[in-house]
Amino acid sequence: MGIEIEYIEGQTPLDEDEKEGLLIKSVTTRGELDEFEQLNIEKAIEWTLGKKWKSEFILSENFIRELHKRMFNEVWSWAGDFRKSNKNIGVDKYQIGTSLKQLIDDSLFWLKNKTYSEEEFALRFKHRIVNIHCFPNGNGRHSRLVADIIISQIFGKPVFSWSNSNLNKKGEARSAYLTAIRQADSGDIKPLIDFAKLSVTKHNRLS
């Protein structure tokens, strides 16, 4: 019996081949899947704690892929691999590598030239990478953790609060988050910065 996943607004459906990559065959519901994924993500967060990586490592394809792999490798066989299908969001599957390289090159330029404030840098990177949509699933959660790592490791500031909410669940926080993402899509990054900074916590966590 395969898993039937119920999607909420802003989530990208998996195709059947991607669903075949589920490593825990006993999972049949969205709730069970979310639980296993969250446990996996918490291990990835633990891996980041106490590390002091160079900005050039964080802002690299190798790190972007490694982080996703560590977030989902106990649940999905394709964790850390670029998607091989096109979605309702993101660049063409054949453009993922090129688009990610452009983002990395841009971000290294921003860093060197102090183009943006520290918060704006992290959130612009987050917004760009989620719009590339590198992976079959988990792009939103991955992009938020990347932003947390950028702000804490590169700039030495507390991680974002993301409203201290589980943004993978329906609710006011997710609606506000998606609204901020759409405003960033239209060129206004400030609402996303404001949302991410609400009640900033010093605890490294992923909502």
N, C-alpha and C. Protein backbone atom coordinates (compact mmCIF):
# COMPACT_ATOMS: atom_id res chain seq x y z
N MET A 1 0.85 -1.20 0.00
CA MET A 1 0.00 0.00 0.00
C MET A 1 0.87 1.24 0.00
N GLY A 2 0.72 2.09 -1.01
CA GLY A 2 1.54 3.28 -1.12
C GLY A 2 1.00 4.42 -0.28
N ILE A 3 1.82 5.42 -0.11
CA ILE A 3 1.41 6.57 0.68
C ILE A 3 0.55 7.52 -0.15
N GLU A 4 -0.52 8.01 0.46
CA GLU A 4 -1.35 9.03 -0.16
C GLU A 4 -1.12 10.32 0.62
N ILE A 5 -0.53 11.31 -0.04
CA ILE A 5 -0.15 12.54 0.65
C ILE A 5 -1.18 13.63 0.35
N GLU A 6 -1.69 14.22 1.40
CA GLU A 6 -2.57 15.38 1.24
C GLU A 6 -1.72 16.64 1.28
N TYR A 7 -1.88 17.47 0.28
CA TYR A 7 -1.08 18.69 0.18
C TYR A 7 -1.89 19.91 0.59
N ILE A 8 -1.20 20.88 1.20
CA ILE A 8 -1.83 22.15 1.54
C ILE A 8 -1.24 23.23 0.65
N GLU A 9 -1.84 24.41 0.70
CA GLU A 9 -1.41 25.51 -0.16
C GLU A 9 0.08 25.74 -0.05
N GLY A 10 0.73 25.85 -1.22
CA GLY A 10 2.15 26.15 -1.25
C GLY A 10 3.06 24.94 -1.25
N GLN A 11 2.49 23.73 -1.09
CA GLN A 11 3.30 22.53 -1.12
C GLN A 11 3.33 21.94 -2.52
N THR A 12 4.46 21.36 -2.88
CA THR A 12 4.65 20.82 -4.23
C THR A 12 4.43 19.32 -4.24
N PRO A 13 3.47 18.82 -5.03
CA PRO A 13 3.21 17.38 -5.08
C PRO A 13 4.41 16.59 -5.61
N LEU A 14 4.58 15.41 -5.06
CA LEU A 14 5.59 14.47 -5.56
C LEU A 14 4.99 13.66 -6.70
N ASP A 15 5.83 13.28 -7.68
CA ASP A 15 5.32 12.37 -8.70
C ASP A 15 5.47 10.93 -8.19
N GLU A 16 4.94 9.98 -8.93
CA GLU A 16 4.92 8.60 -8.45
C GLU A 16 6.32 8.03 -8.28
N ASP A 17 7.23 8.36 -9.19
CA ASP A 17 8.61 7.87 -9.05
C ASP A 17 9.25 8.40 -7.78
N GLU A 18 8.98 9.64 -7.45
CA GLU A 18 9.54 10.23 -6.23
C GLU A 18 8.95 9.58 -4.98
N LYS A 19 7.65 9.27 -5.02
CA LYS A 19 7.04 8.57 -3.89
C LYS A 19 7.68 7.21 -3.67
N GLU A 20 8.15 6.59 -4.75
CA GLU A 20 8.80 5.28 -4.64
C GLU A 20 10.09 5.37 -3.83
N GLY A 21 10.60 6.58 -3.65
CA GLY A 21 11.83 6.77 -2.90
C GLY A 21 11.65 6.77 -1.40
N LEU A 22 10.41 6.55 -0.94
CA LEU A 22 10.15 6.52 0.50
C LEU A 22 10.82 5.29 1.12
N LEU A 23 11.68 5.53 2.10
CA LEU A 23 12.47 4.45 2.70
C LEU A 23 11.74 3.73 3.83
N ILE A 24 10.73 4.38 4.40
CA ILE A 24 9.99 3.78 5.53
C ILE A 24 8.64 3.31 4.99
N LYS A 25 8.58 2.06 4.62
CA LYS A 25 7.42 1.55 3.90
C LYS A 25 6.16 1.46 4.76
N SER A 26 6.31 1.54 6.08
CA SER A 26 5.15 1.48 6.97
C SER A 26 4.37 2.79 6.99
N VAL A 27 4.96 3.87 6.46
CA VAL A 27 4.29 5.17 6.45
C VAL A 27 3.18 5.18 5.42
N THR A 28 1.95 5.53 5.85
CA THR A 28 0.83 5.58 4.91
C THR A 28 0.07 6.90 4.97
N THR A 29 0.36 7.74 5.97
CA THR A 29 -0.38 9.00 6.10
C THR A 29 0.57 10.19 6.13
N ARG A 30 0.03 11.36 5.85
CA ARG A 30 0.81 12.59 5.89
C ARG A 30 1.36 12.85 7.30
N GLY A 31 0.54 12.58 8.31
CA GLY A 31 0.97 12.80 9.68
C GLY A 31 2.17 11.95 10.06
N GLU A 32 2.14 10.68 9.66
CA GLU A 32 3.29 9.80 9.93
C GLU A 32 4.53 10.28 9.19
N LEU A 33 4.34 10.69 7.94
CA LEU A 33 5.46 11.19 7.15
C LEU A 33 6.07 12.43 7.80
N ASP A 34 5.23 13.36 8.22
CA ASP A 34 5.71 14.59 8.86
C ASP A 34 6.54 14.27 10.11
N GLU A 35 6.08 13.28 10.89
CA GLU A 35 6.80 12.93 12.12
C GLU A 35 8.20 12.40 11.81
N PHE A 36 8.30 11.49 10.86
CA PHE A 36 9.60 10.93 10.50
C PHE A 36 10.52 12.00 9.91
N GLU A 37 9.94 12.86 9.07
CA GLU A 37 10.75 13.93 8.48
C GLU A 37 11.26 14.89 9.55
N GLN A 38 10.41 15.24 10.51
CA GLN A 38 10.82 16.16 11.56
C GLN A 38 11.95 15.58 12.41
N LEU A 39 11.89 14.28 12.72
CA LEU A 39 12.97 13.63 13.46
C LEU A 39 14.27 13.70 12.68
N ASN A 40 14.20 13.48 11.39
CA ASN A 40 15.36 13.54 10.51
C ASN A 40 15.94 14.96 10.48
N ILE A 41 15.05 15.95 10.37
CA ILE A 41 15.47 17.35 10.33
C ILE A 41 16.15 17.75 11.64
N GLU A 42 15.62 17.28 12.76
CA GLU A 42 16.23 17.62 14.05
C GLU A 42 17.65 17.08 14.14
N LYS A 43 17.91 15.91 13.55
CA LYS A 43 19.27 15.38 13.51
C LYS A 43 20.17 16.27 12.66
N ALA A 44 19.62 16.78 11.57
CA ALA A 44 20.40 17.68 10.71
C ALA A 44 20.75 18.97 11.46
N ILE A 45 19.78 19.49 12.22
CA ILE A 45 20.03 20.70 13.00
C ILE A 45 21.12 20.44 14.04
N GLU A 46 21.07 19.28 14.69
CA GLU A 46 22.10 18.92 15.66
C GLU A 46 23.48 18.89 15.00
N TRP A 47 23.53 18.40 13.76
CA TRP A 47 24.79 18.35 13.01
C TRP A 47 25.36 19.75 12.81
N THR A 48 24.50 20.75 12.65
CA THR A 48 24.99 22.12 12.39
C THR A 48 25.47 22.81 13.66
N LEU A 49 25.01 22.35 14.82
CA LEU A 49 25.33 23.04 16.07
C LEU A 49 26.81 22.91 16.41
N GLY A 50 27.39 24.01 16.85
CA GLY A 50 28.78 23.99 17.26
C GLY A 50 29.77 24.02 16.12
N LYS A 51 29.27 24.04 14.89
CA LYS A 51 30.16 24.09 13.74
C LYS A 51 30.57 25.55 13.47
N LYS A 52 31.71 25.69 12.82
CA LYS A 52 32.14 27.02 12.37
C LYS A 52 32.67 26.87 10.95
N TRP A 53 31.72 26.93 10.01
CA TRP A 53 32.07 26.75 8.61
C TRP A 53 32.41 28.08 7.96
N LYS A 54 33.27 28.04 6.97
CA LYS A 54 33.58 29.24 6.19
C LYS A 54 32.41 29.58 5.29
N SER A 55 32.25 30.87 5.01
CA SER A 55 31.13 31.30 4.17
C SER A 55 31.19 30.65 2.79
N GLU A 56 32.41 30.43 2.27
CA GLU A 56 32.54 29.82 0.94
C GLU A 56 32.03 28.39 0.92
N PHE A 57 32.09 27.73 2.07
CA PHE A 57 31.55 26.36 2.15
C PHE A 57 30.04 26.38 2.23
N ILE A 58 29.50 27.27 3.07
CA ILE A 58 28.05 27.37 3.21
C ILE A 58 27.40 27.76 1.88
N LEU A 59 28.04 28.71 1.19
CA LEU A 59 27.52 29.20 -0.09
C LEU A 59 28.11 28.38 -1.23
N SER A 60 27.82 27.08 -1.22
CA SER A 60 28.34 26.18 -2.26
C SER A 60 27.31 25.10 -2.57
N GLU A 61 27.37 24.57 -3.77
CA GLU A 61 26.44 23.50 -4.15
C GLU A 61 26.62 22.28 -3.25
N ASN A 62 27.88 21.96 -2.93
CA ASN A 62 28.13 20.79 -2.10
C ASN A 62 27.41 20.90 -0.75
N PHE A 63 27.47 22.07 -0.14
CA PHE A 63 26.82 22.24 1.16
C PHE A 63 25.30 22.22 1.02
N ILE A 64 24.78 22.88 0.01
CA ILE A 64 23.33 22.92 -0.21
C ILE A 64 22.79 21.50 -0.36
N ARG A 65 23.49 20.67 -1.08
CA ARG A 65 23.05 19.28 -1.28
C ARG A 65 23.24 18.45 -0.02
N GLU A 66 24.37 18.65 0.65
CA GLU A 66 24.66 17.88 1.87
C GLU A 66 23.64 18.18 2.96
N LEU A 67 23.26 19.44 3.09
CA LEU A 67 22.28 19.81 4.10
C LEU A 67 20.94 19.13 3.84
N HIS A 68 20.48 19.18 2.59
CA HIS A 68 19.21 18.52 2.25
C HIS A 68 19.31 17.02 2.50
N LYS A 69 20.44 16.43 2.15
CA LYS A 69 20.63 14.99 2.37
C LYS A 69 20.52 14.66 3.85
N ARG A 70 21.15 15.45 4.70
CA ARG A 70 21.12 15.19 6.14
C ARG A 70 19.73 15.45 6.73
N MET A 71 18.96 16.31 6.10
CA MET A 71 17.60 16.60 6.58
C MET A 71 16.62 15.48 6.27
N PHE A 72 16.85 14.74 5.16
CA PHE A 72 15.82 13.80 4.69
C PHE A 72 16.34 12.41 4.34
N ASN A 73 17.62 12.11 4.63
CA ASN A 73 18.19 10.85 4.13
C ASN A 73 17.66 9.60 4.83
N GLU A 74 16.99 9.75 5.96
CA GLU A 74 16.41 8.58 6.62
C GLU A 74 14.97 8.31 6.16
N VAL A 75 14.46 9.23 5.33
CA VAL A 75 13.07 9.12 4.87
C VAL A 75 12.99 8.92 3.36
N TRP A 76 13.84 9.63 2.60
CA TRP A 76 13.76 9.59 1.14
C TRP A 76 15.10 9.18 0.52
N SER A 77 15.05 8.27 -0.43
CA SER A 77 16.28 7.79 -1.08
C SER A 77 16.94 8.87 -1.92
N TRP A 78 16.13 9.86 -2.38
CA TRP A 78 16.68 10.90 -3.25
C TRP A 78 17.11 12.14 -2.47
N ALA A 79 17.19 12.07 -1.17
CA ALA A 79 17.62 13.22 -0.37
C ALA A 79 18.98 13.72 -0.85
N GLY A 80 19.07 15.01 -1.09
CA GLY A 80 20.32 15.61 -1.56
C GLY A 80 20.51 15.58 -3.06
N ASP A 81 19.61 14.91 -3.77
CA ASP A 81 19.70 14.85 -5.24
C ASP A 81 18.76 15.88 -5.86
N PHE A 82 19.23 16.54 -6.90
CA PHE A 82 18.37 17.49 -7.60
C PHE A 82 17.18 16.74 -8.20
N ARG A 83 16.04 17.42 -8.24
CA ARG A 83 14.85 16.77 -8.79
C ARG A 83 15.02 16.48 -10.28
N LYS A 84 14.35 15.46 -10.71
CA LYS A 84 14.41 15.02 -12.11
C LYS A 84 13.06 15.22 -12.81
N SER A 85 12.17 15.97 -12.16
CA SER A 85 10.87 16.26 -12.75
C SER A 85 10.59 17.76 -12.62
N ASN A 86 9.75 18.27 -13.49
CA ASN A 86 9.34 19.67 -13.38
C ASN A 86 8.12 19.78 -12.46
N LYS A 87 8.03 20.91 -11.75
CA LYS A 87 6.98 21.12 -10.78
C LYS A 87 6.18 22.37 -11.13
N ASN A 88 5.19 22.65 -10.26
CA ASN A 88 4.39 23.86 -10.46
C ASN A 88 5.12 25.10 -9.96
N ILE A 89 6.33 24.92 -9.46
CA ILE A 89 7.19 26.02 -9.04
C ILE A 89 8.61 25.62 -9.38
N GLY A 90 9.45 26.60 -9.58
CA GLY A 90 10.86 26.31 -9.80
C GLY A 90 11.28 26.38 -11.25
N VAL A 91 12.59 26.38 -11.45
CA VAL A 91 13.14 26.43 -12.80
C VAL A 91 13.00 25.06 -13.45
N ASP A 92 13.22 24.99 -14.75
CA ASP A 92 13.23 23.72 -15.44
C ASP A 92 14.28 22.80 -14.80
N LYS A 93 13.96 21.51 -14.74
CA LYS A 93 14.86 20.56 -14.07
C LYS A 93 16.28 20.60 -14.62
N TYR A 94 16.41 20.92 -15.90
CA TYR A 94 17.75 20.97 -16.50
C TYR A 94 18.51 22.25 -16.17
N GLN A 95 17.83 23.22 -15.59
CA GLN A 95 18.44 24.51 -15.26
C GLN A 95 18.80 24.64 -13.78
N ILE A 96 18.53 23.59 -12.98
CA ILE A 96 18.76 23.69 -11.54
C ILE A 96 20.22 24.00 -11.21
N GLY A 97 21.13 23.23 -11.76
CA GLY A 97 22.55 23.43 -11.48
C GLY A 97 23.03 24.81 -11.87
N THR A 98 22.62 25.25 -13.06
CA THR A 98 23.03 26.57 -13.56
C THR A 98 22.44 27.69 -12.70
N SER A 99 21.16 27.56 -12.35
CA SER A 99 20.50 28.58 -11.55
C SER A 99 21.10 28.67 -10.15
N LEU A 100 21.43 27.51 -9.57
CA LEU A 100 22.04 27.50 -8.25
C LEU A 100 23.44 28.13 -8.30
N LYS A 101 24.19 27.82 -9.33
CA LYS A 101 25.52 28.44 -9.47
C LYS A 101 25.41 29.96 -9.57
N GLN A 102 24.42 30.44 -10.31
CA GLN A 102 24.22 31.89 -10.44
C GLN A 102 23.89 32.50 -9.09
N LEU A 103 23.04 31.83 -8.31
CA LEU A 103 22.71 32.32 -6.97
C LEU A 103 23.96 32.36 -6.09
N ILE A 104 24.74 31.31 -6.13
CA ILE A 104 25.95 31.25 -5.31
C ILE A 104 26.93 32.36 -5.72
N ASP A 105 27.12 32.54 -7.03
CA ASP A 105 28.00 33.62 -7.51
C ASP A 105 27.48 34.98 -7.06
N ASP A 106 26.18 35.18 -7.18
CA ASP A 106 25.58 36.45 -6.75
C ASP A 106 25.79 36.67 -5.26
N SER A 107 25.57 35.62 -4.48
CA SER A 107 25.67 35.76 -3.02
C SER A 107 27.10 36.05 -2.57
N LEU A 108 28.07 35.46 -3.24
CA LEU A 108 29.46 35.76 -2.91
C LEU A 108 29.80 37.22 -3.25
N PHE A 109 29.20 37.72 -4.32
CA PHE A 109 29.36 39.13 -4.68
C PHE A 109 28.70 40.02 -3.62
N TRP A 110 27.48 39.66 -3.20
CA TRP A 110 26.78 40.44 -2.16
C TRP A 110 27.62 40.50 -0.88
N LEU A 111 28.20 39.34 -0.54
CA LEU A 111 28.98 39.26 0.70
C LEU A 111 30.22 40.13 0.62
N LYS A 112 30.93 40.03 -0.47
CA LYS A 112 32.17 40.79 -0.64
C LYS A 112 31.91 42.29 -0.65
N ASN A 113 30.81 42.69 -1.29
CA ASN A 113 30.52 44.11 -1.45
C ASN A 113 29.54 44.68 -0.44
N LYS A 114 29.12 43.81 0.51
CA LYS A 114 28.16 44.23 1.55
C LYS A 114 26.94 44.91 0.91
N THR A 115 26.42 44.23 -0.12
CA THR A 115 25.31 44.77 -0.90
C THR A 115 24.05 44.95 -0.06
N TYR A 116 23.81 44.00 0.85
CA TYR A 116 22.59 44.02 1.65
C TYR A 116 22.93 43.94 3.14
N SER A 117 21.95 44.27 3.98
CA SER A 117 22.10 44.03 5.41
C SER A 117 22.21 42.52 5.62
N GLU A 118 22.65 42.14 6.81
CA GLU A 118 22.84 40.71 7.09
C GLU A 118 21.54 39.92 6.97
N GLU A 119 20.46 40.48 7.53
CA GLU A 119 19.16 39.79 7.45
C GLU A 119 18.67 39.71 6.02
N GLU A 120 18.82 40.79 5.28
CA GLU A 120 18.34 40.78 3.90
C GLU A 120 19.14 39.80 3.05
N PHE A 121 20.44 39.73 3.29
CA PHE A 121 21.28 38.76 2.58
C PHE A 121 20.72 37.35 2.77
N ALA A 122 20.52 36.97 4.03
CA ALA A 122 20.05 35.61 4.34
C ALA A 122 18.69 35.33 3.72
N LEU A 123 17.79 36.31 3.80
CA LEU A 123 16.43 36.09 3.30
C LEU A 123 16.37 36.14 1.78
N ARG A 124 17.21 36.94 1.15
CA ARG A 124 17.27 36.93 -0.32
C ARG A 124 17.79 35.58 -0.82
N PHE A 125 18.79 35.05 -0.14
CA PHE A 125 19.30 33.73 -0.52
C PHE A 125 18.20 32.69 -0.35
N LYS A 126 17.52 32.73 0.79
CA LYS A 126 16.43 31.79 1.06
C LYS A 126 15.35 31.86 -0.02
N HIS A 127 14.97 33.09 -0.37
CA HIS A 127 13.90 33.27 -1.35
C HIS A 127 14.32 32.77 -2.73
N ARG A 128 15.55 33.07 -3.12
CA ARG A 128 16.02 32.63 -4.44
C ARG A 128 16.12 31.11 -4.52
N ILE A 129 16.62 30.49 -3.46
CA ILE A 129 16.85 29.04 -3.56
C ILE A 129 15.53 28.27 -3.53
N VAL A 130 14.54 28.78 -2.81
CA VAL A 130 13.26 28.08 -2.80
C VAL A 130 12.56 28.24 -4.15
N ASN A 131 12.82 29.34 -4.83
CA ASN A 131 12.24 29.53 -6.16
C ASN A 131 12.94 28.71 -7.23
N ILE A 132 14.19 28.36 -7.00
CA ILE A 132 14.87 27.41 -7.89
C ILE A 132 14.25 26.02 -7.69
N HIS A 133 13.94 25.71 -6.42
CA HIS A 133 13.29 24.43 -6.07
C HIS A 133 14.18 23.26 -6.49
N CYS A 134 15.32 23.17 -5.84
CA CYS A 134 16.34 22.20 -6.24
C CYS A 134 15.90 20.74 -6.09
N PHE A 135 15.06 20.46 -5.10
CA PHE A 135 14.80 19.08 -4.71
C PHE A 135 13.32 18.70 -4.89
N PRO A 136 13.02 17.41 -4.95
CA PRO A 136 11.62 17.00 -5.12
C PRO A 136 10.71 17.47 -3.99
N ASN A 137 11.25 17.54 -2.77
CA ASN A 137 10.42 17.89 -1.61
C ASN A 137 11.31 18.52 -0.54
N GLY A 138 10.68 19.25 0.39
CA GLY A 138 11.42 19.81 1.51
C GLY A 138 12.12 21.12 1.23
N ASN A 139 11.83 21.75 0.10
CA ASN A 139 12.55 22.96 -0.29
C ASN A 139 12.32 24.13 0.67
N GLY A 140 11.09 24.28 1.16
CA GLY A 140 10.81 25.36 2.09
C GLY A 140 11.56 25.20 3.39
N ARG A 141 11.48 24.00 3.97
CA ARG A 141 12.17 23.74 5.23
C ARG A 141 13.68 23.85 5.05
N HIS A 142 14.18 23.34 3.94
CA HIS A 142 15.61 23.43 3.63
C HIS A 142 16.05 24.89 3.51
N SER A 143 15.27 25.69 2.80
CA SER A 143 15.65 27.09 2.58
C SER A 143 15.64 27.88 3.89
N ARG A 144 14.72 27.55 4.80
CA ARG A 144 14.68 28.24 6.09
C ARG A 144 15.89 27.87 6.94
N LEU A 145 16.29 26.60 6.90
CA LEU A 145 17.47 26.20 7.67
C LEU A 145 18.73 26.82 7.06
N VAL A 146 18.79 26.91 5.74
CA VAL A 146 19.92 27.59 5.10
C VAL A 146 20.01 29.04 5.58
N ALA A 147 18.86 29.72 5.63
CA ALA A 147 18.85 31.11 6.09
C ALA A 147 19.33 31.20 7.53
N ASP A 148 18.90 30.25 8.37
CA ASP A 148 19.35 30.23 9.76
C ASP A 148 20.87 30.03 9.85
N ILE A 149 21.39 29.15 9.03
CA ILE A 149 22.83 28.88 9.04
C ILE A 149 23.61 30.10 8.55
N ILE A 150 23.11 30.76 7.52
CA ILE A 150 23.77 31.97 7.01
C ILE A 150 23.81 33.05 8.08
N ILE A 151 22.67 33.32 8.72
CA ILE A 151 22.62 34.42 9.68
C ILE A 151 23.45 34.11 10.92
N SER A 152 23.49 32.84 11.33
CA SER A 152 24.22 32.49 12.55
C SER A 152 25.70 32.23 12.31
N GLN A 153 26.02 31.53 11.23
CA GLN A 153 27.42 31.15 11.00
C GLN A 153 28.22 32.23 10.27
N ILE A 154 27.62 32.83 9.26
CA ILE A 154 28.36 33.84 8.50
C ILE A 154 28.36 35.18 9.24
N PHE A 155 27.22 35.50 9.87
CA PHE A 155 27.09 36.83 10.48
C PHE A 155 27.07 36.84 12.01
N GLY A 156 27.04 35.64 12.62
CA GLY A 156 27.12 35.58 14.07
C GLY A 156 25.92 36.13 14.80
N LYS A 157 24.76 36.07 14.18
CA LYS A 157 23.53 36.57 14.80
C LYS A 157 22.59 35.42 15.14
N PRO A 158 21.60 35.66 16.02
CA PRO A 158 20.64 34.60 16.35
C PRO A 158 19.88 34.15 15.10
N VAL A 159 19.47 32.88 15.11
CA VAL A 159 18.68 32.37 14.00
C VAL A 159 17.31 33.05 13.98
N PHE A 160 16.65 32.94 12.85
CA PHE A 160 15.33 33.55 12.70
C PHE A 160 14.29 32.76 13.50
N SER A 161 13.23 33.44 13.89
CA SER A 161 12.17 32.79 14.67
C SER A 161 11.15 32.10 13.78
N TRP A 162 10.96 32.64 12.56
CA TRP A 162 9.90 32.15 11.67
C TRP A 162 8.57 32.10 12.42
N SER A 163 8.36 33.11 13.27
CA SER A 163 7.13 33.25 14.08
C SER A 163 6.95 32.12 15.09
N ASN A 164 8.05 31.38 15.33
CA ASN A 164 7.98 30.27 16.30
C ASN A 164 6.83 29.32 15.99
N SER A 165 6.61 29.08 14.71
CA SER A 165 5.48 28.25 14.29
C SER A 165 5.93 27.15 13.35
N ASN A 166 5.15 26.08 13.29
CA ASN A 166 5.39 25.01 12.33
C ASN A 166 4.79 25.45 10.99
N LEU A 167 5.64 25.92 10.11
CA LEU A 167 5.18 26.47 8.83
C LEU A 167 4.82 25.38 7.83
N ASN A 168 4.96 24.12 8.25
CA ASN A 168 4.55 23.02 7.39
C ASN A 168 3.10 22.61 7.64
N LYS A 169 2.44 23.33 8.56
CA LYS A 169 1.05 23.05 8.89
C LYS A 169 0.16 24.23 8.51
N LYS A 170 -1.11 23.94 8.22
CA LYS A 170 -2.07 25.01 7.96
C LYS A 170 -2.18 25.91 9.19
N GLY A 171 -2.44 27.19 8.93
CA GLY A 171 -2.62 28.11 10.06
C GLY A 171 -2.30 29.53 9.67
N GLU A 172 -2.50 30.43 10.62
CA GLU A 172 -2.27 31.85 10.35
C GLU A 172 -0.81 32.12 10.01
N ALA A 173 0.10 31.46 10.71
CA ALA A 173 1.53 31.70 10.47
C ALA A 173 1.91 31.30 9.05
N ARG A 174 1.44 30.13 8.60
CA ARG A 174 1.76 29.69 7.25
C ARG A 174 1.15 30.64 6.21
N SER A 175 -0.06 31.10 6.45
CA SER A 175 -0.70 32.03 5.53
C SER A 175 0.09 33.34 5.43
N ALA A 176 0.54 33.83 6.59
CA ALA A 176 1.33 35.06 6.61
C ALA A 176 2.67 34.85 5.91
N TYR A 177 3.25 33.69 6.12
CA TYR A 177 4.53 33.34 5.48
C TYR A 177 4.38 33.29 3.96
N LEU A 178 3.33 32.63 3.47
CA LEU A 178 3.11 32.54 2.03
C LEU A 178 2.83 33.91 1.42
N THR A 179 2.12 34.75 2.16
CA THR A 179 1.87 36.12 1.68
C THR A 179 3.20 36.86 1.55
N ALA A 180 4.07 36.70 2.54
CA ALA A 180 5.38 37.36 2.49
C ALA A 180 6.23 36.82 1.33
N ILE A 181 6.13 35.53 1.07
CA ILE A 181 6.85 34.94 -0.06
C ILE A 181 6.35 35.54 -1.38
N ARG A 182 5.03 35.67 -1.51
CA ARG A 182 4.45 36.23 -2.75
C ARG A 182 4.88 37.69 -2.93
N GLN A 183 4.97 38.43 -1.82
CA GLN A 183 5.44 39.82 -1.92
C GLN A 183 6.90 39.86 -2.34
N ALA A 184 7.69 38.91 -1.85
CA ALA A 184 9.10 38.83 -2.28
C ALA A 184 9.17 38.47 -3.76
N ASP A 185 8.26 37.61 -4.21
CA ASP A 185 8.21 37.27 -5.64
C ASP A 185 7.99 38.52 -6.49
N SER A 186 7.25 39.47 -5.93
CA SER A 186 6.94 40.71 -6.65
C SER A 186 8.01 41.79 -6.45
N GLY A 187 9.06 41.45 -5.70
CA GLY A 187 10.18 42.38 -5.57
C GLY A 187 10.29 43.07 -4.22
N ASP A 188 9.36 42.79 -3.30
CA ASP A 188 9.40 43.43 -1.98
C ASP A 188 9.81 42.39 -0.94
N ILE A 189 11.08 42.41 -0.57
CA ILE A 189 11.62 41.41 0.36
C ILE A 189 11.32 41.74 1.81
N LYS A 190 10.94 43.00 2.11
CA LYS A 190 10.82 43.45 3.50
C LYS A 190 9.80 42.63 4.31
N PRO A 191 8.60 42.34 3.79
CA PRO A 191 7.67 41.53 4.58
C PRO A 191 8.24 40.17 4.99
N LEU A 192 9.04 39.56 4.13
CA LEU A 192 9.64 38.27 4.47
C LEU A 192 10.68 38.44 5.58
N ILE A 193 11.46 39.51 5.51
CA ILE A 193 12.43 39.81 6.57
C ILE A 193 11.70 40.03 7.89
N ASP A 194 10.64 40.83 7.84
CA ASP A 194 9.88 41.13 9.06
C ASP A 194 9.28 39.86 9.65
N PHE A 195 8.73 39.00 8.78
CA PHE A 195 8.13 37.75 9.26
C PHE A 195 9.19 36.86 9.91
N ALA A 196 10.33 36.72 9.26
CA ALA A 196 11.39 35.83 9.77
C ALA A 196 11.95 36.30 11.10
N LYS A 197 11.92 37.61 11.33
CA LYS A 197 12.53 38.18 12.53
C LYS A 197 11.58 38.31 13.70
N LEU A 198 10.31 38.01 13.53
CA LEU A 198 9.35 38.16 14.62
C LEU A 198 9.79 37.34 15.83
N SER A 199 9.88 37.99 16.96
CA SER A 199 10.24 37.32 18.22
C SER A 199 11.47 36.45 18.04
N VAL A 200 12.57 37.07 17.62
CA VAL A 200 13.80 36.33 17.34
C VAL A 200 14.21 35.50 18.55
N THR A 201 14.48 34.22 18.29
CA THR A 201 14.91 33.31 19.36
C THR A 201 16.38 33.00 19.22
N LYS A 202 17.04 32.77 20.31
CA LYS A 202 18.46 32.41 20.27
C LYS A 202 18.66 30.89 20.20
N HIS A 203 17.56 30.17 20.16
CA HIS A 203 17.68 28.72 20.08
C HIS A 203 17.65 28.30 18.62
N ASN A 204 18.60 27.46 18.23
CA ASN A 204 18.66 27.02 16.85
C ASN A 204 17.57 25.97 16.62
N ARG A 205 16.54 26.38 15.92
CA ARG A 205 15.42 25.47 15.67
C ARG A 205 14.87 25.73 14.28
N LEU A 206 14.14 24.79 13.77
CA LEU A 206 13.51 24.94 12.45
C LEU A 206 12.02 24.78 12.62
N SER A 207 11.27 25.82 12.23
CA SER A 207 9.82 25.71 12.31
C SER A 207 9.30 25.01 11.07
